[in-house]
Amino acid sequence: MGNNADRDPEVAEAARCAYRRLEDDYAGCIEQAQTAGEVDATLDARALATYFVAVTRGMEVLGTAGADRSVLLSVGRAAFTLLT
């Protein structure tokens, strides 16, 4: 069973654009934190941004499936350990 993006190129492109915008926002925040010395400057901001898009979208799926808040917080905290 597919989703609308599988059948409709316009839906697929809209989803790609939304993910790119989110990734761009995350990358910008990570780069600012690197400049401020709050995040390791040797880390690849774009790769981390892509990772955080995947993690947050996964957390959304878990939340929709009924995962406890404590589980989601644990996932978020684990993800942030990569920044230091």
PDB file of N, CA and C in Angstrom:
ATOM      1  N   MET A   1       0.843  -1.180   0.000  1.00  0.00           N
ATOM      2  CA  MET A   1       0.000   0.000   0.000  1.00  0.00           C
ATOM      3  C   MET A   1       0.885   1.239   0.000  1.00  0.00           C
ATOM      4  N   GLY A   2       0.751   2.071  -0.993  1.00  0.00           N
ATOM      5  CA  GLY A   2       1.579   3.264  -1.115  1.00  0.00           C
ATOM      6  C   GLY A   2       0.902   4.483  -0.529  1.00  0.00           C
ATOM      7  N   ASN A   3       1.649   5.580  -0.571  1.00  0.00           N
ATOM      8  CA  ASN A   3       1.063   6.839  -0.111  1.00  0.00           C
ATOM      9  C   ASN A   3       0.871   7.748  -1.314  1.00  0.00           C
ATOM     10  N   ASN A   4       0.313   8.927  -1.102  1.00  0.00           N
ATOM     11  CA  ASN A   4       0.045   9.847  -2.207  1.00  0.00           C
ATOM     12  C   ASN A   4       1.314  10.261  -2.927  1.00  0.00           C
ATOM     13  N   ALA A   5       2.437  10.349  -2.217  1.00  0.00           N
ATOM     14  CA  ALA A   5       3.697  10.733  -2.853  1.00  0.00           C
ATOM     15  C   ALA A   5       4.147   9.678  -3.856  1.00  0.00           C
ATOM     16  N   ASP A   6       3.769   8.411  -3.618  1.00  0.00           N
ATOM     17  CA  ASP A   6       4.121   7.347  -4.561  1.00  0.00           C
ATOM     18  C   ASP A   6       3.382   7.494  -5.880  1.00  0.00           C
ATOM     19  N   ARG A   7       2.201   8.068  -5.828  1.00  0.00           N
ATOM     20  CA  ARG A   7       1.345   8.149  -7.017  1.00  0.00           C
ATOM     21  C   ARG A   7       1.313   9.523  -7.666  1.00  0.00           C
ATOM     22  N   ASP A   8       1.624  10.542  -6.918  1.00  0.00           N
ATOM     23  CA  ASP A   8       1.462  11.906  -7.408  1.00  0.00           C
ATOM     24  C   ASP A   8       2.789  12.660  -7.326  1.00  0.00           C
ATOM     25  N   PRO A   9       3.388  12.959  -8.464  1.00  0.00           N
ATOM     26  CA  PRO A   9       4.683  13.656  -8.459  1.00  0.00           C
ATOM     27  C   PRO A   9       4.630  15.021  -7.773  1.00  0.00           C
ATOM     28  N   GLU A  10       3.488  15.693  -7.841  1.00  0.00           N
ATOM     29  CA  GLU A  10       3.378  17.002  -7.188  1.00  0.00           C
ATOM     30  C   GLU A  10       3.411  16.853  -5.662  1.00  0.00           C
ATOM     31  N   VAL A  11       2.767  15.816  -5.151  1.00  0.00           N
ATOM     32  CA  VAL A  11       2.792  15.560  -3.708  1.00  0.00           C
ATOM     33  C   VAL A  11       4.219  15.202  -3.284  1.00  0.00           C
ATOM     34  N   ALA A  12       4.869  14.375  -4.088  1.00  0.00           N
ATOM     35  CA  ALA A  12       6.246  13.981  -3.780  1.00  0.00           C
ATOM     36  C   ALA A  12       7.166  15.195  -3.763  1.00  0.00           C
ATOM     37  N   GLU A  13       7.024  16.080  -4.714  1.00  0.00           N
ATOM     38  CA  GLU A  13       7.863  17.282  -4.766  1.00  0.00           C
ATOM     39  C   GLU A  13       7.567  18.204  -3.587  1.00  0.00           C
ATOM     40  N   ALA A  14       6.305  18.350  -3.223  1.00  0.00           N
ATOM     41  CA  ALA A  14       5.956  19.180  -2.069  1.00  0.00           C
ATOM     42  C   ALA A  14       6.582  18.617  -0.796  1.00  0.00           C
ATOM     43  N   ALA A  15       6.556  17.296  -0.646  1.00  0.00           N
ATOM     44  CA  ALA A  15       7.171  16.666   0.529  1.00  0.00           C
ATOM     45  C   ALA A  15       8.677  16.887   0.522  1.00  0.00           C
ATOM     46  N   ARG A  16       9.320  16.728  -0.619  1.00  0.00           N
ATOM     47  CA  ARG A  16      10.772  16.964  -0.716  1.00  0.00           C
ATOM     48  C   ARG A  16      11.118  18.402  -0.343  1.00  0.00           C
ATOM     49  N   CYS A  17      10.333  19.343  -0.824  1.00  0.00           N
ATOM     50  CA  CYS A  17      10.566  20.758  -0.508  1.00  0.00           C
ATOM     51  C   CYS A  17      10.402  21.022   0.986  1.00  0.00           C
ATOM     52  N   ALA A  18       9.390  20.432   1.584  1.00  0.00           N
ATOM     53  CA  ALA A  18       9.163  20.622   3.023  1.00  0.00           C
ATOM     54  C   ALA A  18      10.325  20.055   3.827  1.00  0.00           C
ATOM     55  N   TYR A  19      10.804  18.886   3.455  1.00  0.00           N
ATOM     56  CA  TYR A  19      11.937  18.286   4.163  1.00  0.00           C
ATOM     57  C   TYR A  19      13.202  19.102   3.958  1.00  0.00           C
ATOM     58  N   ARG A  20      13.404  19.613   2.755  1.00  0.00           N
ATOM     59  CA  ARG A  20      14.588  20.450   2.483  1.00  0.00           C
ATOM     60  C   ARG A  20      14.553  21.721   3.323  1.00  0.00           C
ATOM     61  N   ARG A  21      13.385  22.351   3.409  1.00  0.00           N
ATOM     62  CA  ARG A  21      13.256  23.571   4.225  1.00  0.00           C
ATOM     63  C   ARG A  21      13.553  23.277   5.690  1.00  0.00           C
ATOM     64  N   LEU A  22      13.015  22.186   6.182  1.00  0.00           N
ATOM     65  CA  LEU A  22      13.267  21.797   7.567  1.00  0.00           C
ATOM     66  C   LEU A  22      14.748  21.515   7.777  1.00  0.00           C
ATOM     67  N   GLU A  23      15.349  20.796   6.852  1.00  0.00           N
ATOM     68  CA  GLU A  23      16.786  20.507   6.921  1.00  0.00           C
ATOM     69  C   GLU A  23      17.592  21.799   6.886  1.00  0.00           C
ATOM     70  N   ASP A  24      17.216  22.728   6.016  1.00  0.00           N
ATOM     71  CA  ASP A  24      17.918  24.015   5.939  1.00  0.00           C
ATOM     72  C   ASP A  24      17.824  24.770   7.265  1.00  0.00           C
ATOM     73  N   ASP A  25      16.633  24.748   7.874  1.00  0.00           N
ATOM     74  CA  ASP A  25      16.466  25.420   9.170  1.00  0.00           C
ATOM     75  C   ASP A  25      17.352  24.781  10.229  1.00  0.00           C
ATOM     76  N   TYR A  26      17.344  23.453  10.290  1.00  0.00           N
ATOM     77  CA  TYR A  26      18.185  22.760  11.266  1.00  0.00           C
ATOM     78  C   TYR A  26      19.663  23.051  11.018  1.00  0.00           C
ATOM     79  N   ALA A  27      20.074  23.006   9.760  1.00  0.00           N
ATOM     80  CA  ALA A  27      21.480  23.261   9.443  1.00  0.00           C
ATOM     81  C   ALA A  27      21.882  24.666   9.866  1.00  0.00           C
ATOM     82  N   GLY A  28      21.017  25.636   9.625  1.00  0.00           N
ATOM     83  CA  GLY A  28      21.307  27.005  10.035  1.00  0.00           C
ATOM     84  C   GLY A  28      21.474  27.125  11.539  1.00  0.00           C
ATOM     85  N   CYS A  29      20.603  26.476  12.284  1.00  0.00           N
ATOM     86  CA  CYS A  29      20.710  26.504  13.755  1.00  0.00           C
ATOM     87  C   CYS A  29      21.995  25.834  14.225  1.00  0.00           C
ATOM     88  N   ILE A  30      22.326  24.711  13.621  1.00  0.00           N
ATOM     89  CA  ILE A  30      23.544  23.993  14.003  1.00  0.00           C
ATOM     90  C   ILE A  30      24.769  24.837  13.673  1.00  0.00           C
ATOM     91  N   GLU A  31      24.788  25.467  12.510  1.00  0.00           N
ATOM     92  CA  GLU A  31      25.922  26.314  12.121  1.00  0.00           C
ATOM     93  C   GLU A  31      26.067  27.501  13.080  1.00  0.00           C
ATOM     94  N   GLN A  32      24.964  28.102  13.476  1.00  0.00           N
ATOM     95  CA  GLN A  32      25.025  29.204  14.445  1.00  0.00           C
ATOM     96  C   GLN A  32      25.593  28.718  15.771  1.00  0.00           C
ATOM     97  N   ALA A  33      25.156  27.547  16.207  1.00  0.00           N
ATOM     98  CA  ALA A  33      25.665  26.987  17.460  1.00  0.00           C
ATOM     99  C   ALA A  33      27.143  26.647  17.341  1.00  0.00           C
ATOM    100  N   GLN A  34      27.578  26.207  16.167  1.00  0.00           N
ATOM    101  CA  GLN A  34      29.000  25.931  15.958  1.00  0.00           C
ATOM    102  C   GLN A  34      29.807  27.223  16.042  1.00  0.00           C
ATOM    103  N   THR A  35      29.327  28.274  15.426  1.00  0.00           N
ATOM    104  CA  THR A  35      29.995  29.570  15.457  1.00  0.00           C
ATOM    105  C   THR A  35      30.097  30.090  16.889  1.00  0.00           C
ATOM    106  N   ALA A  36      29.064  29.846  17.682  1.00  0.00           N
ATOM    107  CA  ALA A  36      29.037  30.299  19.075  1.00  0.00           C
ATOM    108  C   ALA A  36      29.849  29.387  19.998  1.00  0.00           C
ATOM    109  N   GLY A  37      30.374  28.301  19.450  1.00  0.00           N
ATOM    110  CA  GLY A  37      31.156  27.381  20.261  1.00  0.00           C
ATOM    111  C   GLY A  37      30.319  26.432  21.098  1.00  0.00           C
ATOM    112  N   GLU A  38      29.045  26.346  20.812  1.00  0.00           N
ATOM    113  CA  GLU A  38      28.141  25.484  21.581  1.00  0.00           C
ATOM    114  C   GLU A  38      28.040  24.071  21.015  1.00  0.00           C
ATOM    115  N   VAL A  39      28.435  23.912  19.756  1.00  0.00           N
ATOM    116  CA  VAL A  39      28.408  22.614  19.085  1.00  0.00           C
ATOM    117  C   VAL A  39      29.770  22.424  18.423  1.00  0.00           C
ATOM    118  N   ASP A  40      30.277  21.216  18.482  1.00  0.00           N
ATOM    119  CA  ASP A  40      31.568  20.867  17.887  1.00  0.00           C
ATOM    120  C   ASP A  40      31.627  21.331  16.424  1.00  0.00           C
ATOM    121  N   ALA A  41      32.549  22.222  16.127  1.00  0.00           N
ATOM    122  CA  ALA A  41      32.659  22.806  14.786  1.00  0.00           C
ATOM    123  C   ALA A  41      33.174  21.820  13.745  1.00  0.00           C
ATOM    124  N   THR A  42      33.697  20.683  14.176  1.00  0.00           N
ATOM    125  CA  THR A  42      34.196  19.705  13.205  1.00  0.00           C
ATOM    126  C   THR A  42      33.080  18.811  12.670  1.00  0.00           C
ATOM    127  N   LEU A  43      31.893  18.909  13.271  1.00  0.00           N
ATOM    128  CA  LEU A  43      30.775  18.091  12.819  1.00  0.00           C
ATOM    129  C   LEU A  43      30.174  18.665  11.535  1.00  0.00           C
ATOM    130  N   ASP A  44      29.661  17.809  10.691  1.00  0.00           N
ATOM    131  CA  ASP A  44      29.029  18.200   9.425  1.00  0.00           C
ATOM    132  C   ASP A  44      27.603  18.668   9.711  1.00  0.00           C
ATOM    133  N   ALA A  45      27.388  19.968   9.654  1.00  0.00           N
ATOM    134  CA  ALA A  45      26.080  20.546   9.993  1.00  0.00           C
ATOM    135  C   ALA A  45      24.979  20.017   9.082  1.00  0.00           C
ATOM    136  N   ARG A  46      25.256  19.849   7.809  1.00  0.00           N
ATOM    137  CA  ARG A  46      24.229  19.374   6.871  1.00  0.00           C
ATOM    138  C   ARG A  46      23.859  17.916   7.179  1.00  0.00           C
ATOM    139  N   ALA A  47      24.841  17.081   7.457  1.00  0.00           N
ATOM    140  CA  ALA A  47      24.548  15.685   7.794  1.00  0.00           C
ATOM    141  C   ALA A  47      23.746  15.603   9.093  1.00  0.00           C
ATOM    142  N   LEU A  48      24.121  16.422  10.070  1.00  0.00           N
ATOM    143  CA  LEU A  48      23.363  16.444  11.324  1.00  0.00           C
ATOM    144  C   LEU A  48      21.938  16.927  11.100  1.00  0.00           C
ATOM    145  N   ALA A  49      21.777  17.906  10.232  1.00  0.00           N
ATOM    146  CA  ALA A  49      20.441  18.417   9.939  1.00  0.00           C
ATOM    147  C   ALA A  49      19.575  17.318   9.326  1.00  0.00           C
ATOM    148  N   THR A  50      20.132  16.569   8.398  1.00  0.00           N
ATOM    149  CA  THR A  50      19.399  15.462   7.788  1.00  0.00           C
ATOM    150  C   THR A  50      19.035  14.422   8.845  1.00  0.00           C
ATOM    151  N   TYR A  51      19.996  14.129   9.720  1.00  0.00           N
ATOM    152  CA  TYR A  51      19.769  13.193  10.819  1.00  0.00           C
ATOM    153  C   TYR A  51      18.614  13.672  11.704  1.00  0.00           C
ATOM    154  N   PHE A  52      18.613  14.952  12.070  1.00  0.00           N
ATOM    155  CA  PHE A  52      17.561  15.467  12.940  1.00  0.00           C
ATOM    156  C   PHE A  52      16.200  15.489  12.259  1.00  0.00           C
ATOM    157  N   VAL A  53      16.158  15.676  10.957  1.00  0.00           N
ATOM    158  CA  VAL A  53      14.886  15.547  10.245  1.00  0.00           C
ATOM    159  C   VAL A  53      14.382  14.116  10.400  1.00  0.00           C
ATOM    160  N   ALA A  54      15.264  13.150  10.194  1.00  0.00           N
ATOM    161  CA  ALA A  54      14.869  11.744  10.315  1.00  0.00           C
ATOM    162  C   ALA A  54      14.421  11.418  11.743  1.00  0.00           C
ATOM    163  N   VAL A  55      15.169  11.904  12.726  1.00  0.00           N
ATOM    164  CA  VAL A  55      14.822  11.616  14.117  1.00  0.00           C
ATOM    165  C   VAL A  55      13.486  12.252  14.491  1.00  0.00           C
ATOM    166  N   THR A  56      13.292  13.510  14.163  1.00  0.00           N
ATOM    167  CA  THR A  56      12.055  14.178  14.554  1.00  0.00           C
ATOM    168  C   THR A  56      10.848  13.591  13.834  1.00  0.00           C
ATOM    169  N   ARG A  57      11.024  13.219  12.583  1.00  0.00           N
ATOM    170  CA  ARG A  57       9.908  12.576  11.861  1.00  0.00           C
ATOM    171  C   ARG A  57       9.613  11.213  12.475  1.00  0.00           C
ATOM    172  N   GLY A  58      10.656  10.486  12.858  1.00  0.00           N
ATOM    173  CA  GLY A  58      10.462   9.200  13.524  1.00  0.00           C
ATOM    174  C   GLY A  58       9.768   9.362  14.866  1.00  0.00           C
ATOM    175  N   MET A  59      10.151  10.419  15.589  1.00  0.00           N
ATOM    176  CA  MET A  59       9.498  10.700  16.867  1.00  0.00           C
ATOM    177  C   MET A  59       8.013  11.012  16.649  1.00  0.00           C
ATOM    178  N   GLU A  60       7.724  11.691  15.566  1.00  0.00           N
ATOM    179  CA  GLU A  60       6.324  11.983  15.240  1.00  0.00           C
ATOM    180  C   GLU A  60       5.541  10.691  15.028  1.00  0.00           C
ATOM    181  N   VAL A  61       6.135   9.758  14.302  1.00  0.00           N
ATOM    182  CA  VAL A  61       5.478   8.471  14.063  1.00  0.00           C
ATOM    183  C   VAL A  61       5.276   7.728  15.386  1.00  0.00           C
ATOM    184  N   LEU A  62       6.319   7.702  16.225  1.00  0.00           N
ATOM    185  CA  LEU A  62       6.203   7.043  17.523  1.00  0.00           C
ATOM    186  C   LEU A  62       5.103   7.676  18.371  1.00  0.00           C
ATOM    187  N   GLY A  63       5.070   9.000  18.371  1.00  0.00           N
ATOM    188  CA  GLY A  63       4.042   9.696  19.136  1.00  0.00           C
ATOM    189  C   GLY A  63       2.649   9.379  18.637  1.00  0.00           C
ATOM    190  N   THR A  64       2.490   9.342  17.339  1.00  0.00           N
ATOM    191  CA  THR A  64       1.194   9.012  16.745  1.00  0.00           C
ATOM    192  C   THR A  64       0.779   7.580  17.098  1.00  0.00           C
ATOM    193  N   ALA A  65       1.781   6.709  17.222  1.00  0.00           N
ATOM    194  CA  ALA A  65       1.504   5.308  17.568  1.00  0.00           C
ATOM    195  C   ALA A  65       1.277   5.119  19.066  1.00  0.00           C
ATOM    196  N   GLY A  66       1.406   6.196  19.834  1.00  0.00           N
ATOM    197  CA  GLY A  66       1.097   6.112  21.251  1.00  0.00           C
ATOM    198  C   GLY A  66       2.278   5.970  22.184  1.00  0.00           C
ATOM    199  N   ALA A  67       3.489   6.221  21.690  1.00  0.00           N
ATOM    200  CA  ALA A  67       4.658   6.125  22.565  1.00  0.00           C
ATOM    201  C   ALA A  67       4.530   7.103  23.725  1.00  0.00           C
ATOM    202  N   ASP A  68       4.996   6.679  24.887  1.00  0.00           N
ATOM    203  CA  ASP A  68       4.979   7.544  26.068  1.00  0.00           C
ATOM    204  C   ASP A  68       5.867   8.761  25.860  1.00  0.00           C
ATOM    205  N   ARG A  69       5.520   9.817  26.542  1.00  0.00           N
ATOM    206  CA  ARG A  69       6.331  11.043  26.513  1.00  0.00           C
ATOM    207  C   ARG A  69       7.761  10.757  26.951  1.00  0.00           C
ATOM    208  N   SER A  70       7.921   9.879  27.931  1.00  0.00           N
ATOM    209  CA  SER A  70       9.262   9.554  28.426  1.00  0.00           C
ATOM    210  C   SER A  70      10.107   8.895  27.342  1.00  0.00           C
ATOM    211  N   VAL A  71       9.491   8.094  26.508  1.00  0.00           N
ATOM    212  CA  VAL A  71      10.209   7.455  25.395  1.00  0.00           C
ATOM    213  C   VAL A  71      10.669   8.519  24.407  1.00  0.00           C
ATOM    214  N   LEU A  72       9.781   9.434  24.066  1.00  0.00           N
ATOM    215  CA  LEU A  72      10.116  10.483  23.104  1.00  0.00           C
ATOM    216  C   LEU A  72      11.211  11.390  23.656  1.00  0.00           C
ATOM    217  N   LEU A  73      11.141  11.708  24.942  1.00  0.00           N
ATOM    218  CA  LEU A  73      12.193  12.518  25.562  1.00  0.00           C
ATOM    219  C   LEU A  73      13.538  11.788  25.528  1.00  0.00           C
ATOM    220  N   SER A  74      13.521  10.502  25.755  1.00  0.00           N
ATOM    221  CA  SER A  74      14.757   9.713  25.709  1.00  0.00           C
ATOM    222  C   SER A  74      15.375   9.742  24.313  1.00  0.00           C
ATOM    223  N   VAL A  75      14.538   9.613  23.315  1.00  0.00           N
ATOM    224  CA  VAL A  75      15.031   9.662  21.928  1.00  0.00           C
ATOM    225  C   VAL A  75      15.627  11.039  21.653  1.00  0.00           C
ATOM    226  N   GLY A  76      14.925  12.098  22.032  1.00  0.00           N
ATOM    227  CA  GLY A  76      15.422  13.455  21.808  1.00  0.00           C
ATOM    228  C   GLY A  76      16.744  13.707  22.519  1.00  0.00           C
ATOM    229  N   ARG A  77      16.826  13.281  23.765  1.00  0.00           N
ATOM    230  CA  ARG A  77      18.073  13.472  24.525  1.00  0.00           C
ATOM    231  C   ARG A  77      19.226  12.704  23.887  1.00  0.00           C
ATOM    232  N   ALA A  78      18.955  11.485  23.452  1.00  0.00           N
ATOM    233  CA  ALA A  78      20.002  10.675  22.799  1.00  0.00           C
ATOM    234  C   ALA A  78      20.477  11.363  21.521  1.00  0.00           C
ATOM    235  N   ALA A  79      19.547  11.917  20.758  1.00  0.00           N
ATOM    236  CA  ALA A  79      19.914  12.583  19.506  1.00  0.00           C
ATOM    237  C   ALA A  79      20.823  13.786  19.772  1.00  0.00           C
ATOM    238  N   PHE A  80      20.536  14.537  20.821  1.00  0.00           N
ATOM    239  CA  PHE A  80      21.334  15.721  21.112  1.00  0.00           C
ATOM    240  C   PHE A  80      22.751  15.402  21.572  1.00  0.00           C
ATOM    241  N   THR A  81      22.994  14.192  22.010  1.00  0.00           N
ATOM    242  CA  THR A  81      24.357  13.839  22.429  1.00  0.00           C
ATOM    243  C   THR A  81      25.332  13.912  21.260  1.00  0.00           C
ATOM    244  N   LEU A  82      24.842  13.825  20.057  1.00  0.00           N
ATOM    245  CA  LEU A  82      25.726  13.911  18.885  1.00  0.00           C
ATOM    246  C   LEU A  82      26.324  15.299  18.681  1.00  0.00           C
ATOM    247  N   LEU A  83      25.727  16.293  19.292  1.00  0.00           N
ATOM    248  CA  LEU A  83      26.168  17.666  19.051  1.00  0.00           C
ATOM    249  C   LEU A  83      27.387  18.060  19.884  1.00  0.00           C
ATOM    250  N   THR A  84      27.744  17.268  20.840  1.00  0.00           N
ATOM    251  CA  THR A  84      28.869  17.655  21.721  1.00  0.00           C
ATOM    252  C   THR A  84      30.052  16.752  21.541  1.00  0.00           C
TER     253      THR A  84
END
